[in-house]
Amino acid sequence: MLAGDLYIADDPDLAAASKRAILLAHRYGEVYATDPDAARPILEGLIGSIAPDAHIRPPLYVDYGAHITIGPGTFANYGLTALDVAPITIGADVQIGPNVQLLTPTHPVDPDMRRAKLEAAEPIVIGDNVWLGGGVIVLAGVTIGENSVIGAGAVVTRDIPAGVVAVGNPAKVIRHI
């Protein structure tokens, strides 16, 4: 799965890991509501690697959590969905608006393969000092270069170079910074 190969999504081991992640994410949100400091160890148990000063506001939705790396100084607002079937790497000082989706899973176009419950995934990499506006969707296999800004509501289907502003569906570079 992590290598991008086809896999069966309802594998019992994967289902157990996903259930664990769902329960931890839910618990993180519950505890955060009354004591954000007490919630931090739950988040650290959910996310594969998170810098001590990174901050994620719940609710947080993940497939496994273990395949996510979050760098120092990063902030994610409410409602981050990070489906980490493949690795998701978020750099340092990244600003993530509300309701952003980072979607590594892919599904076959072939209907028989989909019916057979086959899936695959490709990693997502978000460079340092990137700003993802509210409602941005980043699809499987995308890398966003450092210092770039992705406008609210954009759907990022292809790599975005460093130091640009990209907007729209599909996201297109509109200027260099």
C-alpha atoms as a PDB file:
ATOM      1  CA  MET A   1       0.000   0.000   0.000  1.00  0.00           C
ATOM      2  CA  LEU A   2       2.674   2.504   1.047  1.00  0.00           C
ATOM      3  CA  ALA A   3       4.677   1.688  -2.089  1.00  0.00           C
ATOM      4  CA  GLY A   4       1.744   2.704  -4.295  1.00  0.00           C
ATOM      5  CA  ASP A   5       0.859  -0.868  -5.237  1.00  0.00           C
ATOM      6  CA  LEU A   6      -2.732  -2.021  -5.540  1.00  0.00           C
ATOM      7  CA  TYR A   7      -4.172  -3.333  -2.305  1.00  0.00           C
ATOM      8  CA  ILE A   8      -7.510  -4.452  -0.851  1.00  0.00           C
ATOM      9  CA  ALA A   9      -8.925  -1.658   1.309  1.00  0.00           C
ATOM     10  CA  ASP A  10     -10.938  -3.875   3.637  1.00  0.00           C
ATOM     11  CA  ASP A  11      -7.943  -5.959   4.736  1.00  0.00           C
ATOM     12  CA  PRO A  12      -8.462  -6.806   8.453  1.00  0.00           C
ATOM     13  CA  ASP A  13      -5.111  -5.335   9.548  1.00  0.00           C
ATOM     14  CA  LEU A  14      -5.788  -2.091   7.668  1.00  0.00           C
ATOM     15  CA  ALA A  15      -9.307  -1.949   9.085  1.00  0.00           C
ATOM     16  CA  ALA A  16      -7.942  -2.294  12.626  1.00  0.00           C
ATOM     17  CA  ALA A  17      -5.354   0.448  12.052  1.00  0.00           C
ATOM     18  CA  SER A  18      -8.028   2.708  10.595  1.00  0.00           C
ATOM     19  CA  LYS A  19     -10.375   2.082  13.518  1.00  0.00           C
ATOM     20  CA  ARG A  20      -7.587   2.962  15.940  1.00  0.00           C
ATOM     21  CA  ALA A  21      -6.971   6.233  14.060  1.00  0.00           C
ATOM     22  CA  ILE A  22     -10.661   7.135  14.026  1.00  0.00           C
ATOM     23  CA  LEU A  23     -10.928   6.558  17.774  1.00  0.00           C
ATOM     24  CA  LEU A  24      -7.772   8.573  18.533  1.00  0.00           C
ATOM     25  CA  ALA A  25      -8.863  11.461  16.303  1.00  0.00           C
ATOM     26  CA  HIS A  26     -12.251  11.525  18.005  1.00  0.00           C
ATOM     27  CA  ARG A  27     -10.664  11.409  21.449  1.00  0.00           C
ATOM     28  CA  TYR A  28      -8.260  14.199  20.459  1.00  0.00           C
ATOM     29  CA  GLY A  29     -11.210  16.432  19.572  1.00  0.00           C
ATOM     30  CA  GLU A  30     -13.047  15.626  22.793  1.00  0.00           C
ATOM     31  CA  VAL A  31     -10.108  16.369  25.058  1.00  0.00           C
ATOM     32  CA  TYR A  32      -8.987  19.418  23.043  1.00  0.00           C
ATOM     33  CA  ALA A  33     -12.368  21.057  23.636  1.00  0.00           C
ATOM     34  CA  THR A  34     -11.646  21.376  27.364  1.00  0.00           C
ATOM     35  CA  ASP A  35      -7.848  21.089  27.631  1.00  0.00           C
ATOM     36  CA  PRO A  36      -5.675  21.492  24.489  1.00  0.00           C
ATOM     37  CA  ASP A  37      -2.501  20.702  26.441  1.00  0.00           C
ATOM     38  CA  ALA A  38      -3.919  17.384  27.653  1.00  0.00           C
ATOM     39  CA  ALA A  39      -4.950  16.556  24.082  1.00  0.00           C
ATOM     40  CA  ARG A  40      -1.403  16.906  22.734  1.00  0.00           C
ATOM     41  CA  PRO A  41      -0.211  13.400  23.725  1.00  0.00           C
ATOM     42  CA  ILE A  42      -3.228  11.925  21.936  1.00  0.00           C
ATOM     43  CA  LEU A  43      -2.301  13.818  18.758  1.00  0.00           C
ATOM     44  CA  GLU A  44       1.310  12.670  19.092  1.00  0.00           C
ATOM     45  CA  GLY A  45       0.081   9.071  19.394  1.00  0.00           C
ATOM     46  CA  LEU A  46      -1.999   9.486  16.248  1.00  0.00           C
ATOM     47  CA  ILE A  47       0.390  11.300  13.887  1.00  0.00           C
ATOM     48  CA  GLY A  48       3.525   9.506  12.711  1.00  0.00           C
ATOM     49  CA  SER A  49       5.767  12.517  13.333  1.00  0.00           C
ATOM     50  CA  ILE A  50       4.705  15.973  14.503  1.00  0.00           C
ATOM     51  CA  ALA A  51       6.975  18.826  15.577  1.00  0.00           C
ATOM     52  CA  PRO A  52       6.503  19.977  19.170  1.00  0.00           C
ATOM     53  CA  ASP A  53       5.279  23.425  18.094  1.00  0.00           C
ATOM     54  CA  ALA A  54       2.961  22.277  15.277  1.00  0.00           C
ATOM     55  CA  HIS A  55      -0.705  22.867  16.024  1.00  0.00           C
ATOM     56  CA  ILE A  56      -3.723  21.025  14.597  1.00  0.00           C
ATOM     57  CA  ARG A  57      -7.244  22.174  15.502  1.00  0.00           C
ATOM     58  CA  PRO A  58      -9.868  19.442  15.589  1.00  0.00           C
ATOM     59  CA  PRO A  59     -11.795  17.941  14.067  1.00  0.00           C
ATOM     60  CA  LEU A  60      -9.064  16.004  12.321  1.00  0.00           C
ATOM     61  CA  TYR A  61      -9.824  13.129   9.948  1.00  0.00           C
ATOM     62  CA  VAL A  62      -7.175  10.576   8.908  1.00  0.00           C
ATOM     63  CA  ASP A  63      -7.082   7.071   7.511  1.00  0.00           C
ATOM     64  CA  TYR A  64      -4.190   5.902   9.700  1.00  0.00           C
ATOM     65  CA  GLY A  65      -2.333   8.968  10.979  1.00  0.00           C
ATOM     66  CA  ALA A  66       0.911   7.004  11.188  1.00  0.00           C
ATOM     67  CA  HIS A  67       1.953   7.995   7.654  1.00  0.00           C
ATOM     68  CA  ILE A  68       1.806  11.747   8.266  1.00  0.00           C
ATOM     69  CA  THR A  69       4.806  13.964   9.019  1.00  0.00           C
ATOM     70  CA  ILE A  70       4.203  17.547  10.159  1.00  0.00           C
ATOM     71  CA  GLY A  71       7.060  20.034  10.437  1.00  0.00           C
ATOM     72  CA  PRO A  72       7.785  22.768  12.984  1.00  0.00           C
ATOM     73  CA  GLY A  73       5.663  25.890  13.137  1.00  0.00           C
ATOM     74  CA  THR A  74       2.859  24.359  11.077  1.00  0.00           C
ATOM     75  CA  PHE A  75      -0.745  25.279  11.835  1.00  0.00           C
ATOM     76  CA  ALA A  76      -3.856  23.482  10.544  1.00  0.00           C
ATOM     77  CA  ASN A  77      -7.252  25.036  11.135  1.00  0.00           C
ATOM     78  CA  TYR A  78     -10.511  23.162  11.762  1.00  0.00           C
ATOM     79  CA  GLY A  79     -11.511  20.182   9.653  1.00  0.00           C
ATOM     80  CA  LEU A  80      -8.263  18.919   8.113  1.00  0.00           C
ATOM     81  CA  THR A  81      -8.800  15.660   6.227  1.00  0.00           C
ATOM     82  CA  ALA A  82      -5.485  13.886   5.601  1.00  0.00           C
ATOM     83  CA  LEU A  83      -6.105  10.474   4.038  1.00  0.00           C
ATOM     84  CA  ASP A  84      -2.679   8.930   4.541  1.00  0.00           C
ATOM     85  CA  VAL A  85      -2.872   5.682   2.605  1.00  0.00           C
ATOM     86  CA  ALA A  86       0.478   6.858   1.210  1.00  0.00           C
ATOM     87  CA  PRO A  87       2.834   9.196   3.079  1.00  0.00           C
ATOM     88  CA  ILE A  88       1.831  12.825   3.578  1.00  0.00           C
ATOM     89  CA  THR A  89       4.744  15.140   4.328  1.00  0.00           C
ATOM     90  CA  ILE A  90       3.923  18.659   5.508  1.00  0.00           C
ATOM     91  CA  GLY A  91       6.923  20.966   5.847  1.00  0.00           C
ATOM     92  CA  ALA A  92       7.816  23.688   8.326  1.00  0.00           C
ATOM     93  CA  ASP A  93       5.736  26.831   8.851  1.00  0.00           C
ATOM     94  CA  VAL A  94       2.857  25.609   6.678  1.00  0.00           C
ATOM     95  CA  GLN A  95      -0.500  27.342   7.129  1.00  0.00           C
ATOM     96  CA  ILE A  96      -3.509  25.116   6.397  1.00  0.00           C
ATOM     97  CA  GLY A  97      -6.933  26.747   6.186  1.00  0.00           C
ATOM     98  CA  PRO A  98     -10.177  25.189   7.372  1.00  0.00           C
ATOM     99  CA  ASN A  99     -11.614  22.138   5.607  1.00  0.00           C
ATOM    100  CA  VAL A 100      -8.502  21.330   3.576  1.00  0.00           C
ATOM    101  CA  GLN A 101      -8.309  17.821   2.099  1.00  0.00           C
ATOM    102  CA  LEU A 102      -5.054  15.949   1.412  1.00  0.00           C
ATOM    103  CA  LEU A 103      -6.113  12.841  -0.516  1.00  0.00           C
ATOM    104  CA  THR A 104      -3.501  10.176  -1.290  1.00  0.00           C
ATOM    105  CA  PRO A 105      -5.864   7.301  -2.288  1.00  0.00           C
ATOM    106  CA  THR A 106      -6.627   6.526  -5.912  1.00  0.00           C
ATOM    107  CA  HIS A 107      -9.150   4.141  -7.420  1.00  0.00           C
ATOM    108  CA  PRO A 108      -8.913   2.244 -10.703  1.00  0.00           C
ATOM    109  CA  VAL A 109     -10.812   3.589 -13.689  1.00  0.00           C
ATOM    110  CA  ASP A 110     -11.553  -0.008 -14.695  1.00  0.00           C
ATOM    111  CA  PRO A 111     -14.980  -0.908 -13.200  1.00  0.00           C
ATOM    112  CA  ASP A 112     -14.081  -4.560 -12.573  1.00  0.00           C
ATOM    113  CA  MET A 113     -11.016  -3.573 -10.549  1.00  0.00           C
ATOM    114  CA  ARG A 114     -13.097  -1.115  -8.514  1.00  0.00           C
ATOM    115  CA  ARG A 115     -15.718  -3.807  -7.899  1.00  0.00           C
ATOM    116  CA  ALA A 116     -12.888  -6.035  -6.654  1.00  0.00           C
ATOM    117  CA  LYS A 117     -12.182  -3.296  -4.038  1.00  0.00           C
ATOM    118  CA  LEU A 118      -8.683  -2.616  -5.350  1.00  0.00           C
ATOM    119  CA  GLU A 119      -7.132   0.740  -4.459  1.00  0.00           C
ATOM    120  CA  ALA A 120      -3.734   2.397  -4.640  1.00  0.00           C
ATOM    121  CA  ALA A 121      -2.206   5.633  -3.374  1.00  0.00           C
ATOM    122  CA  GLU A 122       0.466   8.206  -4.150  1.00  0.00           C
ATOM    123  CA  PRO A 123       2.269  10.438  -1.644  1.00  0.00           C
ATOM    124  CA  ILE A 124       1.651  14.156  -1.098  1.00  0.00           C
ATOM    125  CA  VAL A 125       4.445  16.595  -0.213  1.00  0.00           C
ATOM    126  CA  ILE A 126       3.769  20.135   0.994  1.00  0.00           C
ATOM    127  CA  GLY A 127       6.951  22.266   1.063  1.00  0.00           C
ATOM    128  CA  ASP A 128       8.030  24.683   3.769  1.00  0.00           C
ATOM    129  CA  ASN A 129       6.152  27.967   4.266  1.00  0.00           C
ATOM    130  CA  VAL A 130       3.209  26.998   2.040  1.00  0.00           C
ATOM    131  CA  TRP A 131      -0.247  28.473   2.633  1.00  0.00           C
ATOM    132  CA  LEU A 132      -3.228  26.306   1.670  1.00  0.00           C
ATOM    133  CA  GLY A 133      -6.373  28.456   1.723  1.00  0.00           C
ATOM    134  CA  GLY A 134      -9.682  27.228   3.082  1.00  0.00           C
ATOM    135  CA  GLY A 135     -11.259  24.319   1.252  1.00  0.00           C
ATOM    136  CA  VAL A 136      -8.190  23.442  -0.830  1.00  0.00           C
ATOM    137  CA  ILE A 137      -8.085  19.869  -2.138  1.00  0.00           C
ATOM    138  CA  VAL A 138      -4.687  18.315  -2.904  1.00  0.00           C
ATOM    139  CA  LEU A 139      -4.845  15.079  -4.894  1.00  0.00           C
ATOM    140  CA  ALA A 140      -2.622  12.004  -4.837  1.00  0.00           C
ATOM    141  CA  GLY A 141       0.930  12.333  -6.096  1.00  0.00           C
ATOM    142  CA  VAL A 142       1.126  16.135  -5.822  1.00  0.00           C
ATOM    143  CA  THR A 143       4.105  18.112  -4.535  1.00  0.00           C
ATOM    144  CA  ILE A 144       3.683  21.801  -3.683  1.00  0.00           C
ATOM    145  CA  GLY A 145       6.939  23.759  -3.669  1.00  0.00           C
ATOM    146  CA  GLU A 146       8.097  25.918  -0.778  1.00  0.00           C
ATOM    147  CA  ASN A 147       6.752  29.438  -0.272  1.00  0.00           C
ATOM    148  CA  SER A 148       3.761  28.862  -2.567  1.00  0.00           C
ATOM    149  CA  VAL A 149       0.177  29.950  -1.899  1.00  0.00           C
ATOM    150  CA  ILE A 150      -2.819  27.893  -2.996  1.00  0.00           C
ATOM    151  CA  GLY A 151      -6.002  29.975  -3.148  1.00  0.00           C
ATOM    152  CA  ALA A 152      -9.140  29.015  -1.270  1.00  0.00           C
ATOM    153  CA  GLY A 153     -11.184  26.307  -2.951  1.00  0.00           C
ATOM    154  CA  ALA A 154      -8.454  25.280  -5.408  1.00  0.00           C
ATOM    155  CA  VAL A 155      -8.169  21.667  -6.529  1.00  0.00           C
ATOM    156  CA  VAL A 156      -4.493  20.787  -6.952  1.00  0.00           C
ATOM    157  CA  THR A 157      -4.193  17.983  -9.501  1.00  0.00           C
ATOM    158  CA  ARG A 158      -0.539  18.514 -10.541  1.00  0.00           C
ATOM    159  CA  ASP A 159       2.711  19.607  -8.929  1.00  0.00           C
ATOM    160  CA  ILE A 160       3.000  23.304  -8.082  1.00  0.00           C
ATOM    161  CA  PRO A 161       6.466  24.905  -8.250  1.00  0.00           C
ATOM    162  CA  ALA A 162       8.058  26.907  -5.450  1.00  0.00           C
ATOM    163  CA  GLY A 163       7.249  30.569  -4.951  1.00  0.00           C
ATOM    164  CA  VAL A 164       3.973  30.920  -6.849  1.00  0.00           C
ATOM    165  CA  VAL A 165       0.292  31.637  -6.306  1.00  0.00           C
ATOM    166  CA  ALA A 166      -2.045  28.997  -7.782  1.00  0.00           C
ATOM    167  CA  VAL A 167      -5.848  29.118  -7.871  1.00  0.00           C
ATOM    168  CA  GLY A 168      -8.820  27.396  -9.496  1.00  0.00           C
ATOM    169  CA  ASN A 169     -10.027  23.960 -10.521  1.00  0.00           C
ATOM    170  CA  PRO A 170      -7.696  22.571 -11.612  1.00  0.00           C
ATOM    171  CA  ALA A 171      -5.230  24.843  -9.816  1.00  0.00           C
ATOM    172  CA  LYS A 172      -3.146  26.955 -12.168  1.00  0.00           C
ATOM    173  CA  VAL A 173      -0.235  29.243 -11.433  1.00  0.00           C
ATOM    174  CA  ILE A 174      -1.360  32.868 -11.796  1.00  0.00           C
ATOM    175  CA  ARG A 175       1.823  34.619 -10.681  1.00  0.00           C
ATOM    176  CA  HIS A 176       5.234  34.259  -9.118  1.00  0.00           C
ATOM    177  CA  ILE A 177       5.899  35.617  -5.637  1.00  0.00           C
END
